[in-house]
Amino acid sequence: MTEKESRSAPVPSQRPRSPRVLSRGGATILLDADVAPGSIVKLTPPFGRELNAEVNGVWTDQIDGRPRIGVKLLDEDGWFAE
């Protein structure tokens, strides 16, 4: 592959294999800010305490064109930690 070809090659999608909104250890979140994979974000759900999560995917939805991130909660008990 030439240098020109590598610059114009599409970036592979980081979209999860299956759509999800919330799981025990993570979530997909619509976001209107640029966040890099590996970043740590603080989430405050309406039903609990603040949680730290690592961004493990960033993509733009092909249907609505809105940016999304996938996060993995850093607490091993996920949303249900006390």
C-alpha atoms as a PDB file:
ATOM      1  CA  MET A   1       0.000   0.000   0.000  1.00  0.00           C
ATOM      2  CA  THR A   2       1.374   3.396  -0.923  1.00  0.00           C
ATOM      3  CA  GLU A   3       1.397   6.389   1.445  1.00  0.00           C
ATOM      4  CA  LYS A   4      -1.372   8.042  -0.592  1.00  0.00           C
ATOM      5  CA  GLU A   5      -3.550   4.907  -0.389  1.00  0.00           C
ATOM      6  CA  SER A   6      -3.055   4.626   3.380  1.00  0.00           C
ATOM      7  CA  ARG A   7      -4.143   8.260   3.933  1.00  0.00           C
ATOM      8  CA  SER A   8      -7.314   7.797   1.893  1.00  0.00           C
ATOM      9  CA  ALA A   9      -8.243   4.371   3.295  1.00  0.00           C
ATOM     10  CA  PRO A  10     -11.437   4.460   5.365  1.00  0.00           C
ATOM     11  CA  VAL A  11     -11.061   4.231   9.128  1.00  0.00           C
ATOM     12  CA  PRO A  12     -12.562   0.953  10.362  1.00  0.00           C
ATOM     13  CA  SER A  13     -15.750   1.375  12.386  1.00  0.00           C
ATOM     14  CA  GLN A  14     -15.544   0.981  16.149  1.00  0.00           C
ATOM     15  CA  ARG A  15     -19.284   0.312  16.295  1.00  0.00           C
ATOM     16  CA  PRO A  16     -20.135  -2.710  18.468  1.00  0.00           C
ATOM     17  CA  ARG A  17     -21.069  -5.959  16.739  1.00  0.00           C
ATOM     18  CA  SER A  18     -24.595  -5.723  18.099  1.00  0.00           C
ATOM     19  CA  PRO A  19     -26.519  -2.626  19.113  1.00  0.00           C
ATOM     20  CA  ARG A  20     -26.825  -2.070  22.853  1.00  0.00           C
ATOM     21  CA  VAL A  21     -27.894   0.761  25.018  1.00  0.00           C
ATOM     22  CA  LEU A  22     -27.035  -0.565  28.452  1.00  0.00           C
ATOM     23  CA  SER A  23     -25.416  -3.725  29.788  1.00  0.00           C
ATOM     24  CA  ARG A  24     -24.129  -4.725  33.223  1.00  0.00           C
ATOM     25  CA  GLY A  25     -20.647  -3.428  32.486  1.00  0.00           C
ATOM     26  CA  GLY A  26     -21.104  -0.752  29.837  1.00  0.00           C
ATOM     27  CA  ALA A  27     -23.290   1.380  27.630  1.00  0.00           C
ATOM     28  CA  THR A  28     -23.623   3.106  24.289  1.00  0.00           C
ATOM     29  CA  ILE A  29     -24.028   6.858  24.684  1.00  0.00           C
ATOM     30  CA  LEU A  30     -24.975   9.604  22.219  1.00  0.00           C
ATOM     31  CA  LEU A  31     -22.443  12.389  22.640  1.00  0.00           C
ATOM     32  CA  ASP A  32     -21.980  15.819  21.072  1.00  0.00           C
ATOM     33  CA  ALA A  33     -18.278  16.103  21.947  1.00  0.00           C
ATOM     34  CA  ASP A  34     -15.072  14.596  20.588  1.00  0.00           C
ATOM     35  CA  VAL A  35     -13.748  11.877  22.887  1.00  0.00           C
ATOM     36  CA  ALA A  36     -10.847   9.578  22.070  1.00  0.00           C
ATOM     37  CA  PRO A  37     -10.870   5.833  22.733  1.00  0.00           C
ATOM     38  CA  GLY A  38      -9.115   5.146  26.031  1.00  0.00           C
ATOM     39  CA  SER A  39     -10.422   8.346  27.638  1.00  0.00           C
ATOM     40  CA  ILE A  40     -11.982   8.092  31.090  1.00  0.00           C
ATOM     41  CA  VAL A  41     -15.418   9.685  31.468  1.00  0.00           C
ATOM     42  CA  LYS A  42     -17.592  10.172  34.559  1.00  0.00           C
ATOM     43  CA  LEU A  43     -21.193   9.028  34.254  1.00  0.00           C
ATOM     44  CA  THR A  44     -23.974   9.997  36.639  1.00  0.00           C
ATOM     45  CA  PRO A  45     -27.037   7.815  36.079  1.00  0.00           C
ATOM     46  CA  PRO A  46     -30.375   9.020  37.458  1.00  0.00           C
ATOM     47  CA  PHE A  47     -30.579   5.959  39.696  1.00  0.00           C
ATOM     48  CA  GLY A  48     -27.232   5.957  41.452  1.00  0.00           C
ATOM     49  CA  ARG A  49     -23.807   7.326  42.154  1.00  0.00           C
ATOM     50  CA  GLU A  50     -21.153   8.671  39.793  1.00  0.00           C
ATOM     51  CA  LEU A  51     -19.211   5.976  37.910  1.00  0.00           C
ATOM     52  CA  ASN A  52     -15.958   6.070  35.947  1.00  0.00           C
ATOM     53  CA  ALA A  53     -15.949   4.465  32.519  1.00  0.00           C
ATOM     54  CA  GLU A  54     -13.374   3.965  29.773  1.00  0.00           C
ATOM     55  CA  VAL A  55     -14.296   4.887  26.205  1.00  0.00           C
ATOM     56  CA  ASN A  56     -13.749   1.728  24.150  1.00  0.00           C
ATOM     57  CA  GLY A  57     -15.366   2.780  20.881  1.00  0.00           C
ATOM     58  CA  VAL A  58     -16.232   5.935  18.939  1.00  0.00           C
ATOM     59  CA  TRP A  59     -18.395   5.991  15.802  1.00  0.00           C
ATOM     60  CA  THR A  60     -21.051   7.886  13.903  1.00  0.00           C
ATOM     61  CA  ASP A  61     -24.341   6.048  13.459  1.00  0.00           C
ATOM     62  CA  GLN A  62     -25.021   5.434   9.758  1.00  0.00           C
ATOM     63  CA  ILE A  63     -28.777   5.824  10.183  1.00  0.00           C
ATOM     64  CA  ASP A  64     -29.058   9.147  12.003  1.00  0.00           C
ATOM     65  CA  GLY A  65     -25.512  10.514  11.573  1.00  0.00           C
ATOM     66  CA  ARG A  66     -25.141  11.208  15.313  1.00  0.00           C
ATOM     67  CA  PRO A  67     -21.876  10.454  17.153  1.00  0.00           C
ATOM     68  CA  ARG A  68     -21.822   7.701  19.758  1.00  0.00           C
ATOM     69  CA  ILE A  69     -19.324   6.255  22.192  1.00  0.00           C
ATOM     70  CA  GLY A  70     -19.145   2.838  23.763  1.00  0.00           C
ATOM     71  CA  VAL A  71     -18.003   2.732  27.368  1.00  0.00           C
ATOM     72  CA  LYS A  72     -16.861   0.020  29.745  1.00  0.00           C
ATOM     73  CA  LEU A  73     -17.510   0.698  33.416  1.00  0.00           C
ATOM     74  CA  LEU A  74     -14.337   0.490  35.483  1.00  0.00           C
ATOM     75  CA  ASP A  75     -16.097  -0.833  38.619  1.00  0.00           C
ATOM     76  CA  GLU A  76     -16.295  -4.612  38.206  1.00  0.00           C
ATOM     77  CA  ASP A  77     -19.858  -4.632  39.566  1.00  0.00           C
ATOM     78  CA  GLY A  78     -20.947  -2.207  36.860  1.00  0.00           C
ATOM     79  CA  TRP A  79     -24.136  -0.234  37.318  1.00  0.00           C
ATOM     80  CA  PHE A  80     -25.069  -2.360  40.322  1.00  0.00           C
ATOM     81  CA  ALA A  81     -22.039  -1.553  42.494  1.00  0.00           C
ATOM     82  CA  GLU A  82     -22.802  -0.180  45.942  1.00  0.00           C
END
